[in-house]
């Protein structure tokens, strides 16, 4: 899929072609370890935390369950004091309990969520407190490997477009989608290249 995507992107948009040439081979990878529930659990836990701090808290939480992420029912049965002692804020704990409760009752069907459309997955996940559209889009891209996701509110994407297309200001959602229309049906791969073009300061 990646080779086909890169070929399409280069043919469809000369600016994207320059980005691809500057960044180099696409090394996009799907994160398939663990369950879908665990992937969203980790996304919530890591939100708004620096990487080392989030990792430390994550490991302390896992230590409560024998070195692994808890099942929804296990987290719901764990006292607040134990989870707060692991470093979770009250708000973060409330979000994780909401995710676990909705998963346990089947309101958010994690086991079969990969069978839903992109729009239905976003609708389902954003029912959970603490999960916004951006988090749902990251789940679609990096967990499920959906090929045509363009996170139009992502600041990295918007800044990369501003730089590559030499815009006077950071584009809004409508402008992002207009510029990104030729990239379909491989906008996830285009998004990866946009991120890398900023992270690596590629000369474009």
N, C-alpha and C. Protein backbone atom coordinates (compact mmCIF):
# COMPACT_ATOMS: atom_id res chain seq x y z
N UNK A 1 0.83 -1.21 0.00
CA UNK A 1 0.00 0.00 0.00
C UNK A 1 0.86 1.26 0.00
N UNK A 2 1.97 1.25 0.75
CA UNK A 2 2.79 2.45 0.87
C UNK A 2 3.38 2.86 -0.47
N UNK A 3 3.88 1.89 -1.23
CA UNK A 3 4.48 2.23 -2.53
C UNK A 3 3.43 2.84 -3.46
N UNK A 4 2.24 2.24 -3.47
CA UNK A 4 1.16 2.76 -4.31
C UNK A 4 0.76 4.15 -3.86
N UNK A 5 0.71 4.36 -2.55
CA UNK A 5 0.33 5.66 -2.01
C UNK A 5 1.34 6.73 -2.39
N UNK A 6 2.62 6.42 -2.24
CA UNK A 6 3.66 7.39 -2.56
C UNK A 6 3.62 7.75 -4.04
N UNK A 7 3.44 6.76 -4.89
CA UNK A 7 3.35 7.01 -6.33
C UNK A 7 2.19 7.94 -6.64
N UNK A 8 1.03 7.68 -6.03
CA UNK A 8 -0.15 8.52 -6.25
C UNK A 8 0.10 9.94 -5.77
N UNK A 9 0.66 10.08 -4.59
CA UNK A 9 0.87 11.41 -4.02
C UNK A 9 1.83 12.24 -4.88
N UNK A 10 2.87 11.61 -5.36
CA UNK A 10 3.84 12.34 -6.18
C UNK A 10 3.24 12.78 -7.51
N UNK A 11 2.38 11.93 -8.06
CA UNK A 11 1.76 12.27 -9.34
C UNK A 11 0.66 13.32 -9.19
N UNK A 12 0.00 13.32 -8.05
CA UNK A 12 -1.18 14.16 -7.88
C UNK A 12 -0.87 15.58 -7.43
N UNK A 13 0.34 15.80 -6.85
CA UNK A 13 0.62 17.11 -6.26
C UNK A 13 2.13 17.36 -6.29
N UNK A 14 2.59 18.31 -7.09
CA UNK A 14 4.04 18.56 -7.18
C UNK A 14 4.66 19.03 -5.86
N UNK A 15 3.90 19.73 -5.04
CA UNK A 15 4.43 20.16 -3.75
C UNK A 15 4.64 18.94 -2.85
N UNK A 16 3.66 18.06 -2.81
CA UNK A 16 3.81 16.84 -2.03
C UNK A 16 4.96 15.99 -2.57
N UNK A 17 5.15 16.01 -3.88
CA UNK A 17 6.28 15.28 -4.47
C UNK A 17 7.60 15.79 -3.92
N UNK A 18 7.72 17.12 -3.77
CA UNK A 18 8.95 17.70 -3.22
C UNK A 18 9.13 17.30 -1.76
N UNK A 19 8.03 17.27 -1.01
CA UNK A 19 8.10 16.85 0.39
C UNK A 19 8.59 15.41 0.47
N UNK A 20 8.03 14.55 -0.35
CA UNK A 20 8.41 13.13 -0.34
C UNK A 20 9.88 12.96 -0.69
N UNK A 21 10.33 13.68 -1.70
CA UNK A 21 11.74 13.59 -2.10
C UNK A 21 12.67 14.07 -0.97
N UNK A 22 12.23 15.10 -0.25
CA UNK A 22 13.06 15.65 0.82
C UNK A 22 13.08 14.74 2.05
N UNK A 23 11.94 14.15 2.38
CA UNK A 23 11.84 13.30 3.57
C UNK A 23 12.45 11.93 3.33
N UNK A 24 12.19 11.37 2.15
CA UNK A 24 12.71 10.04 1.84
C UNK A 24 11.67 8.95 1.98
N UNK A 25 12.10 7.70 2.10
CA UNK A 25 11.17 6.57 2.14
C UNK A 25 10.15 6.69 3.27
N UNK A 26 8.94 6.23 3.01
CA UNK A 26 7.88 6.26 4.02
C UNK A 26 8.08 5.12 5.01
N UNK A 27 8.18 5.46 6.28
CA UNK A 27 8.38 4.46 7.33
C UNK A 27 7.18 4.39 8.27
N UNK A 28 6.05 4.77 7.74
CA UNK A 28 4.81 4.70 8.52
C UNK A 28 4.53 3.27 8.96
N UNK A 29 4.20 3.08 10.23
CA UNK A 29 3.91 1.75 10.77
C UNK A 29 2.66 1.80 11.64
N UNK A 30 1.88 0.73 11.54
CA UNK A 30 0.70 0.57 12.38
C UNK A 30 1.12 -0.07 13.69
N UNK A 31 0.57 0.41 14.79
CA UNK A 31 0.88 -0.14 16.12
C UNK A 31 -0.18 -1.18 16.48
N UNK A 32 0.18 -2.43 16.30
CA UNK A 32 -0.81 -3.49 16.42
C UNK A 32 -0.77 -4.25 17.74
N UNK A 33 0.18 -3.91 18.62
CA UNK A 33 0.29 -4.66 19.87
C UNK A 33 -0.89 -4.38 20.80
N UNK A 34 -1.29 -5.38 21.55
CA UNK A 34 -2.38 -5.21 22.51
C UNK A 34 -3.74 -5.13 21.85
N UNK A 35 -4.73 -4.75 22.66
CA UNK A 35 -6.11 -4.65 22.19
C UNK A 35 -6.45 -3.22 21.80
N UNK A 36 -7.56 -3.06 21.10
CA UNK A 36 -8.03 -1.71 20.75
C UNK A 36 -8.32 -0.90 22.01
N UNK A 37 -8.91 -1.54 23.00
CA UNK A 37 -9.18 -0.86 24.27
C UNK A 37 -7.89 -0.34 24.88
N UNK A 38 -6.86 -1.17 24.89
CA UNK A 38 -5.58 -0.76 25.47
C UNK A 38 -4.97 0.40 24.70
N UNK A 39 -5.17 0.42 23.38
CA UNK A 39 -4.64 1.52 22.58
C UNK A 39 -5.29 2.84 22.97
N UNK A 40 -6.60 2.84 23.15
CA UNK A 40 -7.30 4.08 23.55
C UNK A 40 -6.95 4.42 25.00
N UNK A 41 -6.84 3.41 25.84
CA UNK A 41 -6.44 3.59 27.25
C UNK A 41 -5.11 4.35 27.31
N UNK A 42 -4.14 3.90 26.51
CA UNK A 42 -2.83 4.54 26.52
C UNK A 42 -2.91 5.95 25.94
N UNK A 43 -3.75 6.15 24.92
CA UNK A 43 -3.89 7.49 24.34
C UNK A 43 -4.37 8.49 25.38
N UNK A 44 -5.36 8.07 26.17
CA UNK A 44 -5.88 8.95 27.22
C UNK A 44 -4.83 9.20 28.29
N UNK A 45 -4.16 8.12 28.71
CA UNK A 45 -3.17 8.24 29.77
C UNK A 45 -2.04 9.19 29.39
N UNK A 46 -1.63 9.15 28.12
CA UNK A 46 -0.48 9.94 27.68
C UNK A 46 -0.84 11.38 27.31
N UNK A 47 -2.12 11.71 27.23
CA UNK A 47 -2.53 13.05 26.82
C UNK A 47 -1.94 14.12 27.72
N UNK A 48 -1.40 15.17 27.10
CA UNK A 48 -0.94 16.38 27.79
C UNK A 48 0.15 16.10 28.81
N UNK A 49 0.91 15.02 28.59
CA UNK A 49 2.03 14.71 29.47
C UNK A 49 3.29 14.55 28.63
N UNK A 50 4.42 14.98 29.19
CA UNK A 50 5.70 14.73 28.52
C UNK A 50 5.95 13.22 28.50
N UNK A 51 6.63 12.76 27.46
CA UNK A 51 6.84 11.33 27.27
C UNK A 51 7.37 10.59 28.49
N UNK A 52 8.48 11.03 29.12
CA UNK A 52 9.02 10.32 30.28
C UNK A 52 8.05 10.26 31.45
N UNK A 53 7.35 11.36 31.71
CA UNK A 53 6.40 11.38 32.82
C UNK A 53 5.24 10.43 32.56
N UNK A 54 4.73 10.44 31.32
CA UNK A 54 3.62 9.56 30.96
C UNK A 54 4.05 8.10 31.07
N UNK A 55 5.26 7.79 30.61
CA UNK A 55 5.75 6.41 30.68
C UNK A 55 5.88 5.94 32.11
N UNK A 56 6.36 6.82 32.99
CA UNK A 56 6.51 6.45 34.41
C UNK A 56 5.15 6.15 35.04
N UNK A 57 4.16 7.00 34.77
CA UNK A 57 2.82 6.78 35.30
C UNK A 57 2.23 5.49 34.73
N UNK A 58 2.41 5.29 33.42
CA UNK A 58 1.89 4.10 32.76
C UNK A 58 2.46 2.84 33.42
N UNK A 59 3.74 2.83 33.69
CA UNK A 59 4.36 1.66 34.31
C UNK A 59 3.86 1.43 35.72
N UNK A 60 3.61 2.52 36.46
CA UNK A 60 3.08 2.36 37.81
C UNK A 60 1.66 1.81 37.79
N UNK A 61 0.87 2.26 36.81
CA UNK A 61 -0.48 1.73 36.66
C UNK A 61 -0.41 0.25 36.30
N UNK A 62 0.45 -0.10 35.35
CA UNK A 62 0.58 -1.50 34.95
C UNK A 62 1.03 -2.38 36.11
N UNK A 63 1.85 -1.82 36.99
CA UNK A 63 2.35 -2.59 38.14
C UNK A 63 1.20 -3.05 39.04
N UNK A 64 0.11 -2.32 39.03
CA UNK A 64 -1.07 -2.72 39.83
C UNK A 64 -1.72 -3.97 39.28
N UNK A 65 -1.41 -4.30 38.02
CA UNK A 65 -2.06 -5.43 37.35
C UNK A 65 -1.04 -6.45 36.82
N UNK A 66 0.06 -6.57 37.56
CA UNK A 66 1.05 -7.57 37.19
C UNK A 66 1.89 -7.20 35.99
N UNK A 67 2.04 -5.89 35.72
CA UNK A 67 2.88 -5.45 34.63
C UNK A 67 2.19 -5.33 33.29
N UNK A 68 0.89 -5.23 33.27
CA UNK A 68 0.12 -5.11 32.02
C UNK A 68 -0.97 -4.07 32.19
N UNK A 69 -1.57 -3.68 31.08
CA UNK A 69 -2.73 -2.78 31.15
C UNK A 69 -3.93 -3.55 31.69
N UNK A 70 -4.80 -2.89 32.44
CA UNK A 70 -5.96 -3.59 32.99
C UNK A 70 -7.05 -3.81 31.95
N UNK A 71 -7.85 -4.84 32.16
CA UNK A 71 -9.09 -5.01 31.41
C UNK A 71 -10.08 -3.97 31.94
N UNK A 72 -11.10 -3.62 31.16
CA UNK A 72 -12.07 -2.61 31.63
C UNK A 72 -12.65 -2.92 33.00
N UNK A 73 -13.04 -4.17 33.20
CA UNK A 73 -13.65 -4.55 34.48
C UNK A 73 -12.66 -4.42 35.63
N UNK A 74 -11.40 -4.74 35.37
CA UNK A 74 -10.38 -4.63 36.41
C UNK A 74 -10.18 -3.18 36.84
N UNK A 75 -10.12 -2.28 35.87
CA UNK A 75 -9.92 -0.88 36.23
C UNK A 75 -11.10 -0.35 37.02
N UNK A 76 -12.31 -0.76 36.64
CA UNK A 76 -13.51 -0.30 37.34
C UNK A 76 -13.55 -0.78 38.79
N UNK A 77 -12.92 -1.92 39.05
CA UNK A 77 -12.92 -2.49 40.40
C UNK A 77 -11.77 -1.98 41.26
N UNK A 78 -10.86 -1.22 40.66
CA UNK A 78 -9.69 -0.73 41.39
C UNK A 78 -10.04 0.57 42.12
N UNK A 79 -9.75 0.67 43.40
CA UNK A 79 -10.07 1.90 44.15
C UNK A 79 -9.35 3.12 43.59
N UNK A 80 -10.01 4.26 43.68
CA UNK A 80 -9.40 5.51 43.23
C UNK A 80 -8.04 5.74 43.87
N UNK A 81 -7.93 5.41 45.17
CA UNK A 81 -6.70 5.69 45.89
C UNK A 81 -5.50 5.00 45.26
N UNK A 82 -5.70 3.77 44.80
CA UNK A 82 -4.59 3.03 44.20
C UNK A 82 -4.17 3.66 42.88
N UNK A 83 -5.14 4.06 42.08
CA UNK A 83 -4.83 4.64 40.77
C UNK A 83 -4.28 6.05 40.91
N UNK A 84 -4.81 6.80 41.87
CA UNK A 84 -4.27 8.14 42.13
C UNK A 84 -2.84 8.02 42.66
N UNK A 85 -2.58 6.97 43.45
CA UNK A 85 -1.24 6.74 43.98
C UNK A 85 -0.24 6.42 42.89
N UNK A 86 -0.74 5.91 41.76
CA UNK A 86 0.14 5.61 40.62
C UNK A 86 0.47 6.86 39.82
N UNK A 87 -0.22 7.96 40.13
CA UNK A 87 0.11 9.22 39.46
C UNK A 87 -0.97 9.77 38.56
N UNK A 88 -2.12 9.10 38.48
CA UNK A 88 -3.20 9.60 37.63
C UNK A 88 -3.90 10.78 38.29
N UNK A 89 -4.14 11.83 37.51
CA UNK A 89 -4.90 12.96 38.02
C UNK A 89 -6.37 12.55 38.15
N UNK A 90 -7.12 13.34 38.89
CA UNK A 90 -8.55 13.03 39.04
C UNK A 90 -9.25 13.05 37.68
N UNK A 91 -8.91 14.03 36.85
CA UNK A 91 -9.55 14.13 35.54
C UNK A 91 -9.17 12.95 34.66
N UNK A 92 -7.90 12.61 34.62
CA UNK A 92 -7.44 11.48 33.80
C UNK A 92 -8.09 10.18 34.27
N UNK A 93 -8.19 10.01 35.58
CA UNK A 93 -8.83 8.82 36.13
C UNK A 93 -10.31 8.76 35.73
N UNK A 94 -10.97 9.91 35.76
CA UNK A 94 -12.38 9.95 35.35
C UNK A 94 -12.53 9.55 33.89
N UNK A 95 -11.61 10.00 33.04
CA UNK A 95 -11.65 9.64 31.63
C UNK A 95 -11.46 8.14 31.44
N UNK A 96 -10.49 7.56 32.14
CA UNK A 96 -10.20 6.13 32.00
C UNK A 96 -11.35 5.29 32.53
N UNK A 97 -12.00 5.76 33.60
CA UNK A 97 -13.16 5.02 34.12
C UNK A 97 -14.33 5.11 33.13
N UNK A 98 -14.48 6.25 32.49
CA UNK A 98 -15.56 6.39 31.51
C UNK A 98 -15.32 5.46 30.32
N UNK A 99 -14.08 5.41 29.84
CA UNK A 99 -13.73 4.49 28.76
C UNK A 99 -14.02 3.05 29.16
N UNK A 100 -13.60 2.69 30.36
CA UNK A 100 -13.77 1.31 30.82
C UNK A 100 -15.25 0.96 30.99
N UNK A 101 -16.02 1.88 31.54
CA UNK A 101 -17.45 1.63 31.73
C UNK A 101 -18.17 1.46 30.40
N UNK A 102 -17.88 2.34 29.45
CA UNK A 102 -18.55 2.26 28.15
C UNK A 102 -18.11 1.01 27.38
N UNK A 103 -16.88 0.59 27.58
CA UNK A 103 -16.40 -0.63 26.94
C UNK A 103 -17.03 -1.85 27.58
N UNK A 104 -17.08 -1.87 28.92
CA UNK A 104 -17.63 -3.02 29.65
C UNK A 104 -19.11 -3.23 29.33
N UNK A 105 -19.86 -2.14 29.14
CA UNK A 105 -21.29 -2.28 28.86
C UNK A 105 -21.57 -2.53 27.38
N UNK A 106 -20.55 -2.33 26.56
CA UNK A 106 -20.73 -2.52 25.12
C UNK A 106 -21.21 -1.28 24.41
N UNK A 107 -21.35 -0.16 25.13
CA UNK A 107 -21.76 1.08 24.46
C UNK A 107 -20.72 1.48 23.42
N UNK A 108 -19.45 1.28 23.76
CA UNK A 108 -18.36 1.41 22.79
C UNK A 108 -17.82 0.00 22.58
N UNK A 109 -18.07 -0.56 21.41
CA UNK A 109 -17.71 -1.95 21.11
C UNK A 109 -16.28 -2.00 20.56
N UNK A 110 -15.33 -2.19 21.46
CA UNK A 110 -13.93 -2.16 21.06
C UNK A 110 -13.53 -3.37 20.22
N UNK A 111 -14.10 -4.52 20.53
CA UNK A 111 -13.66 -5.75 19.86
C UNK A 111 -13.89 -5.67 18.35
N UNK A 112 -15.03 -5.13 17.96
CA UNK A 112 -15.35 -5.08 16.53
C UNK A 112 -15.29 -3.70 15.93
N UNK A 113 -14.63 -2.78 16.62
CA UNK A 113 -14.64 -1.40 16.15
C UNK A 113 -13.95 -1.26 14.80
N UNK A 114 -13.02 -2.15 14.51
CA UNK A 114 -12.30 -2.06 13.24
C UNK A 114 -13.15 -2.43 12.04
N UNK A 115 -14.37 -2.91 12.30
CA UNK A 115 -15.29 -3.23 11.20
C UNK A 115 -16.15 -2.04 10.80
N UNK A 116 -16.08 -0.96 11.57
CA UNK A 116 -16.91 0.22 11.32
C UNK A 116 -16.24 1.15 10.31
N UNK A 117 -17.03 2.07 9.76
CA UNK A 117 -16.49 3.09 8.87
C UNK A 117 -15.68 4.10 9.68
N UNK A 118 -14.87 4.88 8.98
CA UNK A 118 -14.08 5.92 9.67
C UNK A 118 -14.99 6.84 10.48
N UNK A 119 -16.06 7.30 9.85
CA UNK A 119 -16.96 8.25 10.53
C UNK A 119 -17.62 7.62 11.75
N UNK A 120 -18.02 6.35 11.65
CA UNK A 120 -18.67 5.68 12.77
C UNK A 120 -17.69 5.43 13.91
N UNK A 121 -16.43 5.17 13.59
CA UNK A 121 -15.42 4.99 14.64
C UNK A 121 -15.20 6.30 15.39
N UNK A 122 -15.10 7.39 14.65
CA UNK A 122 -14.95 8.70 15.31
C UNK A 122 -16.14 9.00 16.19
N UNK A 123 -17.35 8.72 15.68
CA UNK A 123 -18.57 8.95 16.46
C UNK A 123 -18.59 8.11 17.73
N UNK A 124 -18.15 6.85 17.61
CA UNK A 124 -18.16 5.94 18.76
C UNK A 124 -17.14 6.36 19.80
N UNK A 125 -15.92 6.61 19.38
CA UNK A 125 -14.86 6.91 20.34
C UNK A 125 -15.06 8.25 21.03
N UNK A 126 -15.61 9.22 20.33
CA UNK A 126 -15.77 10.54 20.93
C UNK A 126 -16.93 10.60 21.93
N UNK A 127 -17.62 9.49 22.11
CA UNK A 127 -18.58 9.41 23.23
C UNK A 127 -17.85 9.34 24.56
N UNK A 128 -16.62 8.87 24.51
CA UNK A 128 -15.83 8.70 25.73
C UNK A 128 -15.29 10.05 26.18
N UNK A 129 -15.43 10.35 27.45
CA UNK A 129 -14.88 11.59 27.99
C UNK A 129 -13.37 11.59 27.82
N UNK A 130 -12.85 12.70 27.32
CA UNK A 130 -11.41 12.81 27.13
C UNK A 130 -10.93 12.35 25.78
N UNK A 131 -11.83 11.84 24.94
CA UNK A 131 -11.46 11.43 23.59
C UNK A 131 -12.13 12.38 22.60
N UNK A 132 -11.33 13.22 21.98
CA UNK A 132 -11.83 14.14 20.97
C UNK A 132 -11.60 13.58 19.58
N UNK A 133 -11.93 14.38 18.59
CA UNK A 133 -11.80 13.92 17.20
C UNK A 133 -10.35 13.63 16.84
N UNK A 134 -9.42 14.48 17.33
CA UNK A 134 -8.01 14.26 17.01
C UNK A 134 -7.53 12.90 17.52
N UNK A 135 -7.89 12.56 18.76
CA UNK A 135 -7.49 11.27 19.32
C UNK A 135 -8.09 10.13 18.51
N UNK A 136 -9.34 10.28 18.11
CA UNK A 136 -9.99 9.24 17.30
C UNK A 136 -9.30 9.11 15.95
N UNK A 137 -8.88 10.23 15.37
CA UNK A 137 -8.18 10.19 14.08
C UNK A 137 -6.82 9.51 14.22
N UNK A 138 -6.12 9.75 15.33
CA UNK A 138 -4.84 9.07 15.56
C UNK A 138 -5.04 7.57 15.70
N UNK A 139 -6.15 7.17 16.31
CA UNK A 139 -6.49 5.75 16.43
C UNK A 139 -6.71 5.15 15.03
N UNK A 140 -7.41 5.88 14.19
CA UNK A 140 -7.66 5.41 12.83
C UNK A 140 -6.36 5.26 12.04
N UNK A 141 -5.47 6.22 12.18
CA UNK A 141 -4.23 6.18 11.42
C UNK A 141 -3.26 5.14 11.96
N UNK A 142 -2.94 5.23 13.25
CA UNK A 142 -1.83 4.46 13.80
C UNK A 142 -2.23 3.11 14.39
N UNK A 143 -3.50 2.96 14.75
CA UNK A 143 -3.96 1.67 15.27
C UNK A 143 -4.55 0.80 14.16
N UNK A 144 -5.43 1.40 13.36
CA UNK A 144 -6.14 0.63 12.34
C UNK A 144 -5.51 0.74 10.95
N UNK A 145 -4.61 1.68 10.78
CA UNK A 145 -3.97 1.83 9.48
C UNK A 145 -4.91 2.28 8.38
N UNK A 146 -5.93 3.05 8.75
CA UNK A 146 -6.86 3.56 7.73
C UNK A 146 -6.09 4.52 6.82
N UNK A 147 -6.21 4.36 5.51
CA UNK A 147 -5.31 5.08 4.59
C UNK A 147 -5.69 6.51 4.25
N UNK A 148 -6.92 6.93 4.55
CA UNK A 148 -7.38 8.21 4.01
C UNK A 148 -7.87 9.16 5.09
N UNK A 149 -7.07 9.35 6.13
CA UNK A 149 -7.42 10.25 7.23
C UNK A 149 -6.56 11.51 7.15
N UNK A 150 -7.20 12.66 7.18
CA UNK A 150 -6.49 13.94 7.18
C UNK A 150 -6.91 14.73 8.42
N UNK A 151 -6.08 14.71 9.47
CA UNK A 151 -6.44 15.41 10.71
C UNK A 151 -6.28 16.92 10.56
N UNK A 152 -7.34 17.55 10.11
CA UNK A 152 -7.27 18.95 9.70
C UNK A 152 -7.04 19.92 10.86
N UNK A 153 -7.26 19.47 12.10
CA UNK A 153 -7.05 20.35 13.25
C UNK A 153 -5.66 20.17 13.86
N UNK A 154 -4.89 19.23 13.34
CA UNK A 154 -3.56 18.96 13.88
C UNK A 154 -2.62 20.12 13.55
N UNK A 155 -2.01 20.69 14.57
CA UNK A 155 -1.18 21.87 14.35
C UNK A 155 0.06 21.54 13.52
N UNK A 156 0.61 20.34 13.70
CA UNK A 156 1.76 19.95 12.90
C UNK A 156 1.43 19.88 11.42
N UNK A 157 0.28 19.32 11.10
CA UNK A 157 -0.17 19.25 9.71
C UNK A 157 -0.38 20.65 9.15
N UNK A 158 -1.04 21.50 9.91
CA UNK A 158 -1.34 22.85 9.42
C UNK A 158 -0.07 23.67 9.22
N UNK A 159 0.87 23.55 10.17
CA UNK A 159 2.12 24.28 10.03
C UNK A 159 2.95 23.77 8.85
N UNK A 160 2.93 22.46 8.64
CA UNK A 160 3.67 21.87 7.52
C UNK A 160 3.09 22.33 6.19
N UNK A 161 1.77 22.41 6.10
CA UNK A 161 1.13 22.90 4.88
C UNK A 161 1.47 24.36 4.65
N UNK A 162 1.40 25.16 5.71
CA UNK A 162 1.75 26.59 5.58
C UNK A 162 3.16 26.74 5.01
N UNK A 163 4.08 25.96 5.54
CA UNK A 163 5.48 26.05 5.12
C UNK A 163 5.67 25.55 3.69
N UNK A 164 5.13 24.36 3.40
CA UNK A 164 5.36 23.75 2.09
C UNK A 164 4.67 24.50 0.96
N UNK A 165 3.48 25.03 1.24
CA UNK A 165 2.72 25.71 0.19
C UNK A 165 2.90 27.23 0.24
N UNK A 166 3.81 27.67 1.12
CA UNK A 166 4.18 29.08 1.23
C UNK A 166 2.96 29.97 1.42
N UNK A 167 2.14 29.60 2.41
CA UNK A 167 0.95 30.37 2.72
C UNK A 167 1.30 31.51 3.68
N UNK A 168 0.52 32.55 3.65
CA UNK A 168 0.78 33.70 4.52
C UNK A 168 0.42 33.42 5.97
N UNK A 169 -0.56 32.54 6.18
CA UNK A 169 -0.96 32.19 7.55
C UNK A 169 -1.30 30.71 7.62
N UNK A 170 -1.40 30.22 8.83
CA UNK A 170 -1.72 28.81 9.05
C UNK A 170 -3.12 28.54 8.49
N UNK A 171 -3.27 27.52 7.66
CA UNK A 171 -4.58 27.28 7.03
C UNK A 171 -5.62 26.77 8.02
N UNK A 172 -6.88 27.12 7.78
CA UNK A 172 -7.97 26.58 8.59
C UNK A 172 -8.38 25.22 8.04
N UNK A 173 -9.36 24.62 8.67
CA UNK A 173 -9.79 23.27 8.31
C UNK A 173 -10.22 23.18 6.85
N UNK A 174 -10.99 24.17 6.41
CA UNK A 174 -11.48 24.16 5.02
C UNK A 174 -10.33 24.21 4.03
N UNK A 175 -9.33 25.05 4.31
CA UNK A 175 -8.19 25.17 3.40
C UNK A 175 -7.36 23.88 3.41
N UNK A 176 -7.20 23.29 4.58
CA UNK A 176 -6.45 22.02 4.67
C UNK A 176 -7.09 20.96 3.78
N UNK A 177 -8.41 20.86 3.86
CA UNK A 177 -9.10 19.84 3.06
C UNK A 177 -9.06 20.16 1.56
N UNK A 178 -9.09 21.42 1.23
CA UNK A 178 -9.01 21.80 -0.18
C UNK A 178 -7.63 21.44 -0.75
N UNK A 179 -6.59 21.79 -0.01
CA UNK A 179 -5.23 21.47 -0.47
C UNK A 179 -5.02 19.96 -0.50
N UNK A 180 -5.60 19.26 0.49
CA UNK A 180 -5.38 17.83 0.59
C UNK A 180 -6.28 16.96 -0.28
N UNK A 181 -7.24 17.56 -0.97
CA UNK A 181 -8.17 16.77 -1.79
C UNK A 181 -7.46 15.88 -2.81
N UNK A 182 -6.41 16.35 -3.51
CA UNK A 182 -5.75 15.49 -4.49
C UNK A 182 -5.03 14.28 -3.87
N UNK A 183 -4.79 14.32 -2.58
CA UNK A 183 -4.06 13.22 -1.94
C UNK A 183 -4.92 11.98 -1.73
N UNK A 184 -6.25 12.15 -1.73
CA UNK A 184 -7.14 11.01 -1.53
C UNK A 184 -6.88 9.96 -2.62
N UNK A 185 -6.95 8.68 -2.29
CA UNK A 185 -7.37 8.07 -1.02
C UNK A 185 -6.21 7.69 -0.10
N UNK A 186 -5.15 8.49 -0.08
CA UNK A 186 -3.98 8.17 0.74
C UNK A 186 -3.57 9.35 1.61
N UNK A 187 -4.55 10.01 2.19
CA UNK A 187 -4.24 11.21 2.96
C UNK A 187 -3.54 10.90 4.29
N UNK A 188 -3.66 9.67 4.79
CA UNK A 188 -2.91 9.30 5.99
C UNK A 188 -1.41 9.31 5.71
N UNK A 189 -1.03 8.79 4.55
CA UNK A 189 0.39 8.78 4.18
C UNK A 189 0.88 10.20 3.94
N UNK A 190 0.06 11.02 3.30
CA UNK A 190 0.41 12.43 3.12
C UNK A 190 0.61 13.11 4.47
N UNK A 191 -0.25 12.79 5.43
CA UNK A 191 -0.15 13.35 6.78
C UNK A 191 1.18 12.96 7.41
N UNK A 192 1.56 11.69 7.26
CA UNK A 192 2.84 11.23 7.80
C UNK A 192 3.98 12.05 7.21
N UNK A 193 3.96 12.28 5.91
CA UNK A 193 5.02 13.05 5.27
C UNK A 193 5.01 14.50 5.73
N UNK A 194 3.85 15.07 5.95
CA UNK A 194 3.78 16.44 6.46
C UNK A 194 4.42 16.55 7.83
N UNK A 195 4.10 15.61 8.71
CA UNK A 195 4.71 15.61 10.04
C UNK A 195 6.23 15.50 9.95
N UNK A 196 6.70 14.57 9.13
CA UNK A 196 8.15 14.37 9.00
C UNK A 196 8.84 15.58 8.38
N UNK A 197 8.15 16.28 7.49
CA UNK A 197 8.76 17.44 6.85
C UNK A 197 9.05 18.54 7.86
N UNK A 198 8.26 18.59 8.92
CA UNK A 198 8.49 19.58 9.99
C UNK A 198 9.48 19.04 11.02
N UNK A 199 9.29 17.80 11.44
CA UNK A 199 10.15 17.20 12.46
C UNK A 199 11.60 17.14 12.02
N UNK A 200 11.78 16.76 10.74
CA UNK A 200 13.14 16.61 10.25
C UNK A 200 13.69 17.85 9.59
N UNK A 201 12.89 18.92 9.57
CA UNK A 201 13.30 20.17 8.91
C UNK A 201 13.80 19.90 7.50
N UNK A 202 13.05 19.06 6.78
CA UNK A 202 13.45 18.72 5.42
C UNK A 202 13.42 19.95 4.52
N UNK A 203 14.38 20.04 3.66
CA UNK A 203 14.46 21.19 2.75
C UNK A 203 13.47 21.01 1.61
N UNK A 204 12.41 21.80 1.60
CA UNK A 204 11.40 21.69 0.57
C UNK A 204 11.23 23.05 -0.12
